[in-house]
Amino acid sequence: MTVWLFRAGKQGEFENKFLEDGRVYLTWDDLNINLKEITSKEDLYKRLIEHYDLKR
């Protein structure tokens, strides 16, 4: 079973917004990727590696 954990900010500062909007937002610094374009977990991983210029 896969479980995703979403934290609403380091101190829960976004919790009310998430609950009120019925959505989960990524609050990563400088993330300007349109997630609607992502079609798979592998695609997300590739785009994050490219965006943050990380080495595998």
PDB file of N, CA and C in Angstrom:
ATOM      1  N   MET A   1       0.841  -1.173   0.000  1.00  0.00           N
ATOM      2  CA  MET A   1       0.000   0.000   0.000  1.00  0.00           C
ATOM      3  C   MET A   1       0.888   1.238   0.000  1.00  0.00           C
ATOM      4  N   THR A   2       0.561   2.209  -0.819  1.00  0.00           N
ATOM      5  CA  THR A   2       1.286   3.473  -0.880  1.00  0.00           C
ATOM      6  C   THR A   2       0.566   4.508  -0.040  1.00  0.00           C
ATOM      7  N   VAL A   3       1.327   5.248   0.739  1.00  0.00           N
ATOM      8  CA  VAL A   3       0.760   6.312   1.560  1.00  0.00           C
ATOM      9  C   VAL A   3       1.526   7.590   1.277  1.00  0.00           C
ATOM     10  N   TRP A   4       0.809   8.653   0.981  1.00  0.00           N
ATOM     11  CA  TRP A   4       1.424   9.963   0.771  1.00  0.00           C
ATOM     12  C   TRP A   4       1.139  10.811   1.998  1.00  0.00           C
ATOM     13  N   LEU A   5       2.165  11.447   2.511  1.00  0.00           N
ATOM     14  CA  LEU A   5       2.013  12.336   3.658  1.00  0.00           C
ATOM     15  C   LEU A   5       2.199  13.766   3.184  1.00  0.00           C
ATOM     16  N   PHE A   6       1.196  14.575   3.401  1.00  0.00           N
ATOM     17  CA  PHE A   6       1.284  15.988   3.062  1.00  0.00           C
ATOM     18  C   PHE A   6       1.296  16.784   4.344  1.00  0.00           C
ATOM     19  N   ARG A   7       2.296  17.585   4.511  1.00  0.00           N
ATOM     20  CA  ARG A   7       2.373  18.450   5.671  1.00  0.00           C
ATOM     21  C   ARG A   7       2.009  19.851   5.222  1.00  0.00           C
ATOM     22  N   ALA A   8       1.227  20.505   6.006  1.00  0.00           N
ATOM     23  CA  ALA A   8       0.734  21.833   5.645  1.00  0.00           C
ATOM     24  C   ALA A   8       1.646  22.899   6.233  1.00  0.00           C
ATOM     25  N   GLY A   9       2.910  22.888   5.812  1.00  0.00           N
ATOM     26  CA  GLY A   9       3.899  23.822   6.337  1.00  0.00           C
ATOM     27  C   GLY A   9       4.649  23.218   7.509  1.00  0.00           C
ATOM     28  N   LYS A  10       5.781  23.780   7.829  1.00  0.00           N
ATOM     29  CA  LYS A  10       6.612  23.253   8.919  1.00  0.00           C
ATOM     30  C   LYS A  10       5.884  23.253  10.255  1.00  0.00           C
ATOM     31  N   GLN A  11       5.061  24.254  10.479  1.00  0.00           N
ATOM     32  CA  GLN A  11       4.329  24.373  11.742  1.00  0.00           C
ATOM     33  C   GLN A  11       2.818  24.257  11.543  1.00  0.00           C
ATOM     34  N   GLY A  12       2.411  23.724  10.394  1.00  0.00           N
ATOM     35  CA  GLY A  12       0.984  23.597  10.110  1.00  0.00           C
ATOM     36  C   GLY A  12       0.332  24.911   9.708  1.00  0.00           C
ATOM     37  N   GLU A  13       1.141  25.871   9.291  1.00  0.00           N
ATOM     38  CA  GLU A  13       0.616  27.210   8.992  1.00  0.00           C
ATOM     39  C   GLU A  13      -0.319  27.250   7.782  1.00  0.00           C
ATOM     40  N   PHE A  14      -0.295  26.229   6.938  1.00  0.00           N
ATOM     41  CA  PHE A  14      -1.171  26.203   5.764  1.00  0.00           C
ATOM     42  C   PHE A  14      -2.353  25.253   5.938  1.00  0.00           C
ATOM     43  N   GLU A  15      -2.478  24.644   7.096  1.00  0.00           N
ATOM     44  CA  GLU A  15      -3.508  23.632   7.316  1.00  0.00           C
ATOM     45  C   GLU A  15      -4.912  24.144   7.018  1.00  0.00           C
ATOM     46  N   ASN A  16      -5.287  25.297   7.537  1.00  0.00           N
ATOM     47  CA  ASN A  16      -6.631  25.829   7.301  1.00  0.00           C
ATOM     48  C   ASN A  16      -6.886  26.081   5.822  1.00  0.00           C
ATOM     49  N   LYS A  17      -5.911  26.619   5.111  1.00  0.00           N
ATOM     50  CA  LYS A  17      -6.076  26.874   3.680  1.00  0.00           C
ATOM     51  C   LYS A  17      -6.318  25.566   2.933  1.00  0.00           C
ATOM     52  N   PHE A  18      -5.520  24.553   3.226  1.00  0.00           N
ATOM     53  CA  PHE A  18      -5.683  23.262   2.562  1.00  0.00           C
ATOM     54  C   PHE A  18      -7.083  22.714   2.815  1.00  0.00           C
ATOM     55  N   LEU A  19      -7.522  22.752   4.067  1.00  0.00           N
ATOM     56  CA  LEU A  19      -8.828  22.203   4.427  1.00  0.00           C
ATOM     57  C   LEU A  19      -9.971  23.024   3.837  1.00  0.00           C
ATOM     58  N   GLU A  20      -9.874  24.330   3.903  1.00  0.00           N
ATOM     59  CA  GLU A  20     -10.925  25.200   3.364  1.00  0.00           C
ATOM     60  C   GLU A  20     -11.057  25.063   1.854  1.00  0.00           C
ATOM     61  N   ASP A  21      -9.917  24.964   1.167  1.00  0.00           N
ATOM     62  CA  ASP A  21      -9.928  24.865  -0.294  1.00  0.00           C
ATOM     63  C   ASP A  21     -10.187  23.440  -0.777  1.00  0.00           C
ATOM     64  N   GLY A  22     -10.012  22.455   0.104  1.00  0.00           N
ATOM     65  CA  GLY A  22     -10.168  21.064  -0.312  1.00  0.00           C
ATOM     66  C   GLY A  22      -9.085  20.647  -1.279  1.00  0.00           C
ATOM     67  N   ARG A  23      -7.909  21.247  -1.107  1.00  0.00           N
ATOM     68  CA  ARG A  23      -6.777  20.967  -1.999  1.00  0.00           C
ATOM     69  C   ARG A  23      -5.502  20.815  -1.187  1.00  0.00           C
ATOM     70  N   VAL A  24      -4.508  20.229  -1.831  1.00  0.00           N
ATOM     71  CA  VAL A  24      -3.180  20.151  -1.249  1.00  0.00           C
ATOM     72  C   VAL A  24      -2.254  20.923  -2.171  1.00  0.00           C
ATOM     73  N   TYR A  25      -1.470  21.812  -1.609  1.00  0.00           N
ATOM     74  CA  TYR A  25      -0.555  22.641  -2.390  1.00  0.00           C
ATOM     75  C   TYR A  25       0.883  22.262  -2.058  1.00  0.00           C
ATOM     76  N   LEU A  26       1.750  22.364  -3.043  1.00  0.00           N
ATOM     77  CA  LEU A  26       3.178  22.201  -2.797  1.00  0.00           C
ATOM     78  C   LEU A  26       3.732  23.562  -2.434  1.00  0.00           C
ATOM     79  N   THR A  27       4.395  23.638  -1.317  1.00  0.00           N
ATOM     80  CA  THR A  27       4.908  24.925  -0.843  1.00  0.00           C
ATOM     81  C   THR A  27       6.429  24.973  -0.932  1.00  0.00           C
ATOM     82  N   TRP A  28       6.986  24.241  -1.899  1.00  0.00           N
ATOM     83  CA  TRP A  28       8.426  24.210  -2.073  1.00  0.00           C
ATOM     84  C   TRP A  28       8.903  25.536  -2.632  1.00  0.00           C
ATOM     85  N   ASP A  29      10.040  25.998  -2.172  1.00  0.00           N
ATOM     86  CA  ASP A  29      10.618  27.259  -2.646  1.00  0.00           C
ATOM     87  C   ASP A  29      10.909  27.198  -4.143  1.00  0.00           C
ATOM     88  N   ASP A  30      10.510  28.237  -4.833  1.00  0.00           N
ATOM     89  CA  ASP A  30      10.837  28.432  -6.253  1.00  0.00           C
ATOM     90  C   ASP A  30      10.351  27.327  -7.173  1.00  0.00           C
ATOM     91  N   LEU A  31       9.326  26.591  -6.796  1.00  0.00           N
ATOM     92  CA  LEU A  31       8.810  25.553  -7.674  1.00  0.00           C
ATOM     93  C   LEU A  31       7.821  26.194  -8.638  1.00  0.00           C
ATOM     94  N   ASN A  32       8.220  26.303  -9.896  1.00  0.00           N
ATOM     95  CA  ASN A  32       7.362  26.935 -10.890  1.00  0.00           C
ATOM     96  C   ASN A  32       7.013  25.979 -12.026  1.00  0.00           C
ATOM     97  N   ILE A  33       6.858  24.713 -11.685  1.00  0.00           N
ATOM     98  CA  ILE A  33       6.491  23.687 -12.652  1.00  0.00           C
ATOM     99  C   ILE A  33       4.967  23.545 -12.638  1.00  0.00           C
ATOM    100  N   ASN A  34       4.365  23.534 -13.820  1.00  0.00           N
ATOM    101  CA  ASN A  34       2.931  23.306 -13.919  1.00  0.00           C
ATOM    102  C   ASN A  34       2.680  21.808 -13.732  1.00  0.00           C
ATOM    103  N   LEU A  35       2.196  21.431 -12.569  1.00  0.00           N
ATOM    104  CA  LEU A  35       2.018  20.020 -12.250  1.00  0.00           C
ATOM    105  C   LEU A  35       0.912  19.359 -13.068  1.00  0.00           C
ATOM    106  N   LYS A  36       0.070  20.143 -13.721  1.00  0.00           N
ATOM    107  CA  LYS A  36      -0.958  19.572 -14.591  1.00  0.00           C
ATOM    108  C   LYS A  36      -0.331  18.889 -15.803  1.00  0.00           C
ATOM    109  N   GLU A  37       0.904  19.262 -16.120  1.00  0.00           N
ATOM    110  CA  GLU A  37       1.603  18.672 -17.264  1.00  0.00           C
ATOM    111  C   GLU A  37       2.265  17.338 -16.919  1.00  0.00           C
ATOM    112  N   ILE A  38       2.356  17.004 -15.656  1.00  0.00           N
ATOM    113  CA  ILE A  38       3.029  15.780 -15.218  1.00  0.00           C
ATOM    114  C   ILE A  38       2.094  14.591 -15.424  1.00  0.00           C
ATOM    115  N   THR A  39       2.601  13.555 -16.085  1.00  0.00           N
ATOM    116  CA  THR A  39       1.760  12.401 -16.400  1.00  0.00           C
ATOM    117  C   THR A  39       2.114  11.148 -15.607  1.00  0.00           C
ATOM    118  N   SER A  40       3.249  11.165 -14.901  1.00  0.00           N
ATOM    119  CA  SER A  40       3.646   9.976 -14.157  1.00  0.00           C
ATOM    120  C   SER A  40       4.610  10.366 -13.034  1.00  0.00           C
ATOM    121  N   LYS A  41       4.813   9.445 -12.115  1.00  0.00           N
ATOM    122  CA  LYS A  41       5.755   9.664 -11.027  1.00  0.00           C
ATOM    123  C   LYS A  41       7.165   9.847 -11.590  1.00  0.00           C
ATOM    124  N   GLU A  42       7.487   9.082 -12.617  1.00  0.00           N
ATOM    125  CA  GLU A  42       8.809   9.176 -13.238  1.00  0.00           C
ATOM    126  C   GLU A  42       9.022  10.547 -13.872  1.00  0.00           C
ATOM    127  N   ASP A  43       7.988  11.073 -14.519  1.00  0.00           N
ATOM    128  CA  ASP A  43       8.054  12.398 -15.130  1.00  0.00           C
ATOM    129  C   ASP A  43       8.250  13.473 -14.061  1.00  0.00           C
ATOM    130  N   LEU A  44       7.525  13.359 -12.949  1.00  0.00           N
ATOM    131  CA  LEU A  44       7.689  14.304 -11.846  1.00  0.00           C
ATOM    132  C   LEU A  44       9.114  14.269 -11.329  1.00  0.00           C
ATOM    133  N   TYR A  45       9.648  13.085 -11.103  1.00  0.00           N
ATOM    134  CA  TYR A  45      11.014  12.932 -10.610  1.00  0.00           C
ATOM    135  C   TYR A  45      12.012  13.598 -11.564  1.00  0.00           C
ATOM    136  N   LYS A  46      11.867  13.319 -12.860  1.00  0.00           N
ATOM    137  CA  LYS A  46      12.758  13.912 -13.869  1.00  0.00           C
ATOM    138  C   LYS A  46      12.694  15.429 -13.845  1.00  0.00           C
ATOM    139  N   ARG A  47      11.481  15.979 -13.799  1.00  0.00           N
ATOM    140  CA  ARG A  47      11.315  17.439 -13.808  1.00  0.00           C
ATOM    141  C   ARG A  47      11.894  18.076 -12.547  1.00  0.00           C
ATOM    142  N   LEU A  48      11.731  17.440 -11.389  1.00  0.00           N
ATOM    143  CA  LEU A  48      12.297  17.984 -10.148  1.00  0.00           C
ATOM    144  C   LEU A  48      13.818  17.957 -10.170  1.00  0.00           C
ATOM    145  N   ILE A  49      14.382  16.862 -10.693  1.00  0.00           N
ATOM    146  CA  ILE A  49      15.847  16.767 -10.818  1.00  0.00           C
ATOM    147  C   ILE A  49      16.356  17.896 -11.712  1.00  0.00           C
ATOM    148  N   GLU A  50      15.698  18.108 -12.835  1.00  0.00           N
ATOM    149  CA  GLU A  50      16.108  19.180 -13.751  1.00  0.00           C
ATOM    150  C   GLU A  50      15.929  20.553 -13.112  1.00  0.00           C
ATOM    151  N   HIS A  51      14.787  20.777 -12.473  1.00  0.00           N
ATOM    152  CA  HIS A  51      14.479  22.078 -11.893  1.00  0.00           C
ATOM    153  C   HIS A  51      15.473  22.468 -10.791  1.00  0.00           C
ATOM    154  N   TYR A  52      15.754  21.529  -9.923  1.00  0.00           N
ATOM    155  CA  TYR A  52      16.647  21.829  -8.808  1.00  0.00           C
ATOM    156  C   TYR A  52      18.109  21.480  -9.112  1.00  0.00           C
ATOM    157  N   ASP A  53      18.386  21.073 -10.364  1.00  0.00           N
ATOM    158  CA  ASP A  53      19.739  20.763 -10.826  1.00  0.00           C
ATOM    159  C   ASP A  53      20.429  19.786  -9.870  1.00  0.00           C
ATOM    160  N   LEU A  54      19.742  18.701  -9.568  1.00  0.00           N
ATOM    161  CA  LEU A  54      20.254  17.705  -8.647  1.00  0.00           C
ATOM    162  C   LEU A  54      20.958  16.584  -9.401  1.00  0.00           C
ATOM    163  N   LYS A  55      21.877  15.968  -8.745  1.00  0.00           N
ATOM    164  CA  LYS A  55      22.561  14.790  -9.301  1.00  0.00           C
ATOM    165  C   LYS A  55      21.878  13.551  -8.737  1.00  0.00           C
ATOM    166  N   ARG A  56      21.744  12.551  -9.564  1.00  0.00           N
ATOM    167  CA  ARG A  56      21.121  11.286  -9.104  1.00  0.00           C
ATOM    168  C   ARG A  56      22.045  10.521  -8.225  1.00  0.00           C
TER     169      ARG A  56
END
